[in-house]
Amino acid sequence: MSQKQYDEREIRCPRLGGEVNFKFCRTSEEPFCHRIIICWAERIDIGAFLSENYTPEQIQSALNKPRATKLEQILKAMEKTKT
């Protein structure tokens, strides 16, 4: 399963309150957004995607790291769009 296979699919992001594509979810945080499983589980086989593209350590890191405040998340997302 290619890492870019689902990049153009879109959903409403509960963190940002607007539409985002899968590429944003897999690149907005390192290694990917901690909500990726919750948001995409009904749309793609997210478990298979993660296990094929990330190590168990990367998955645990993403799911267990401390969370930024909503304002910090929005500012970070805005900064990413500038590049």
C-alpha atoms as a PDB file:
ATOM      1  CA  MET A   1       0.000   0.000   0.000  1.00  0.00           C
ATOM      2  CA  SER A   2       1.581   3.244  -1.168  1.00  0.00           C
ATOM      3  CA  GLN A   3       1.935   6.025   1.354  1.00  0.00           C
ATOM      4  CA  LYS A   4       0.403   8.459  -1.159  1.00  0.00           C
ATOM      5  CA  GLN A   5      -2.460   6.165  -2.222  1.00  0.00           C
ATOM      6  CA  TYR A   6      -5.173   8.041  -0.282  1.00  0.00           C
ATOM      7  CA  ASP A   7      -3.690  11.553  -0.333  1.00  0.00           C
ATOM      8  CA  GLU A   8      -6.526  13.187  -2.297  1.00  0.00           C
ATOM      9  CA  ARG A   9      -9.394  11.836  -0.153  1.00  0.00           C
ATOM     10  CA  GLU A  10     -10.954  14.480   2.077  1.00  0.00           C
ATOM     11  CA  ILE A  11     -12.768  14.627   5.388  1.00  0.00           C
ATOM     12  CA  ARG A  12     -13.769  17.298   7.870  1.00  0.00           C
ATOM     13  CA  CYS A  13     -11.009  17.720  10.445  1.00  0.00           C
ATOM     14  CA  PRO A  14     -12.436  17.878  13.987  1.00  0.00           C
ATOM     15  CA  ARG A  15      -9.294  19.677  15.181  1.00  0.00           C
ATOM     16  CA  LEU A  16      -9.331  22.418  12.550  1.00  0.00           C
ATOM     17  CA  GLY A  17     -13.035  22.515  11.717  1.00  0.00           C
ATOM     18  CA  GLY A  18     -12.620  22.343   7.946  1.00  0.00           C
ATOM     19  CA  GLU A  19     -11.909  20.000   5.069  1.00  0.00           C
ATOM     20  CA  VAL A  20      -8.467  18.400   4.862  1.00  0.00           C
ATOM     21  CA  ASN A  21      -7.066  15.651   2.701  1.00  0.00           C
ATOM     22  CA  PHE A  22      -5.401  12.471   3.888  1.00  0.00           C
ATOM     23  CA  LYS A  23      -1.978  13.852   3.001  1.00  0.00           C
ATOM     24  CA  PHE A  24      -2.485  16.595   5.595  1.00  0.00           C
ATOM     25  CA  CYS A  25      -3.361  13.981   8.223  1.00  0.00           C
ATOM     26  CA  ARG A  26      -0.283  11.890   7.507  1.00  0.00           C
ATOM     27  CA  THR A  27       2.083  14.894   7.403  1.00  0.00           C
ATOM     28  CA  SER A  28       0.657  17.520   9.806  1.00  0.00           C
ATOM     29  CA  GLU A  29       2.435  15.977  12.791  1.00  0.00           C
ATOM     30  CA  GLU A  30       5.475  13.756  13.097  1.00  0.00           C
ATOM     31  CA  PRO A  31       5.089  10.977  12.048  1.00  0.00           C
ATOM     32  CA  PHE A  32       1.312  11.538  11.503  1.00  0.00           C
ATOM     33  CA  CYS A  33      -1.725  13.079  13.231  1.00  0.00           C
ATOM     34  CA  HIS A  34      -2.648  11.277  16.442  1.00  0.00           C
ATOM     35  CA  ARG A  35      -6.325  11.250  15.347  1.00  0.00           C
ATOM     36  CA  ILE A  36      -5.680   9.470  12.039  1.00  0.00           C
ATOM     37  CA  ILE A  37      -7.198   6.198  13.246  1.00  0.00           C
ATOM     38  CA  ILE A  38     -10.339   7.828  14.640  1.00  0.00           C
ATOM     39  CA  CYS A  39     -10.928   9.983  11.577  1.00  0.00           C
ATOM     40  CA  TRP A  40     -10.123   7.508   8.821  1.00  0.00           C
ATOM     41  CA  ALA A  41     -11.116   4.079  10.195  1.00  0.00           C
ATOM     42  CA  GLU A  42     -14.497   4.086   8.433  1.00  0.00           C
ATOM     43  CA  ARG A  43     -13.057   5.265   5.120  1.00  0.00           C
ATOM     44  CA  ILE A  44      -9.899   3.206   4.571  1.00  0.00           C
ATOM     45  CA  ASP A  45      -8.120   0.228   6.106  1.00  0.00           C
ATOM     46  CA  ILE A  46      -6.091   2.529   8.334  1.00  0.00           C
ATOM     47  CA  GLY A  47      -4.599  -0.299  10.391  1.00  0.00           C
ATOM     48  CA  ALA A  48      -3.097  -1.894   7.291  1.00  0.00           C
ATOM     49  CA  PHE A  49      -1.942   1.499   6.013  1.00  0.00           C
ATOM     50  CA  LEU A  50      -0.142   2.336   9.248  1.00  0.00           C
ATOM     51  CA  SER A  51       1.462  -1.087   9.676  1.00  0.00           C
ATOM     52  CA  GLU A  52       2.739  -1.062   6.087  1.00  0.00           C
ATOM     53  CA  ASN A  53       4.140   2.478   6.191  1.00  0.00           C
ATOM     54  CA  TYR A  54       5.307   3.030   9.771  1.00  0.00           C
ATOM     55  CA  THR A  55       7.243   1.092  12.364  1.00  0.00           C
ATOM     56  CA  PRO A  56       5.507   0.022  15.583  1.00  0.00           C
ATOM     57  CA  GLU A  57       7.668   2.587  17.397  1.00  0.00           C
ATOM     58  CA  GLN A  58       6.486   5.415  15.095  1.00  0.00           C
ATOM     59  CA  ILE A  59       2.862   4.406  15.591  1.00  0.00           C
ATOM     60  CA  GLN A  60       3.223   4.310  19.379  1.00  0.00           C
ATOM     61  CA  SER A  61       5.047   7.638  19.335  1.00  0.00           C
ATOM     62  CA  ALA A  62       2.267   9.330  17.374  1.00  0.00           C
ATOM     63  CA  LEU A  63      -0.519   7.894  19.489  1.00  0.00           C
ATOM     64  CA  ASN A  64       1.099   8.544  22.873  1.00  0.00           C
ATOM     65  CA  LYS A  65       2.782  11.935  22.591  1.00  0.00           C
ATOM     66  CA  PRO A  66       1.560  14.987  24.535  1.00  0.00           C
ATOM     67  CA  ARG A  67      -1.052  17.028  22.674  1.00  0.00           C
ATOM     68  CA  ALA A  68      -0.788  20.672  21.692  1.00  0.00           C
ATOM     69  CA  THR A  69      -3.589  23.084  22.552  1.00  0.00           C
ATOM     70  CA  LYS A  70      -6.112  23.889  19.822  1.00  0.00           C
ATOM     71  CA  LEU A  71      -4.487  27.294  19.271  1.00  0.00           C
ATOM     72  CA  GLU A  72      -1.057  25.697  18.931  1.00  0.00           C
ATOM     73  CA  GLN A  73      -2.475  23.204  16.436  1.00  0.00           C
ATOM     74  CA  ILE A  74      -4.083  25.935  14.334  1.00  0.00           C
ATOM     75  CA  LEU A  75      -0.925  28.056  14.330  1.00  0.00           C
ATOM     76  CA  LYS A  76       1.178  25.059  13.325  1.00  0.00           C
ATOM     77  CA  ALA A  77      -1.227  24.193  10.518  1.00  0.00           C
ATOM     78  CA  MET A  78      -1.176  27.782   9.282  1.00  0.00           C
ATOM     79  CA  GLU A  79       2.618  27.776   9.312  1.00  0.00           C
ATOM     80  CA  LYS A  80       2.688  24.550   7.257  1.00  0.00           C
ATOM     81  CA  THR A  81       0.485  26.088   4.575  1.00  0.00           C
ATOM     82  CA  LYS A  82       2.991  28.911   4.056  1.00  0.00           C
ATOM     83  CA  THR A  83       5.653  26.503   2.769  1.00  0.00           C
END
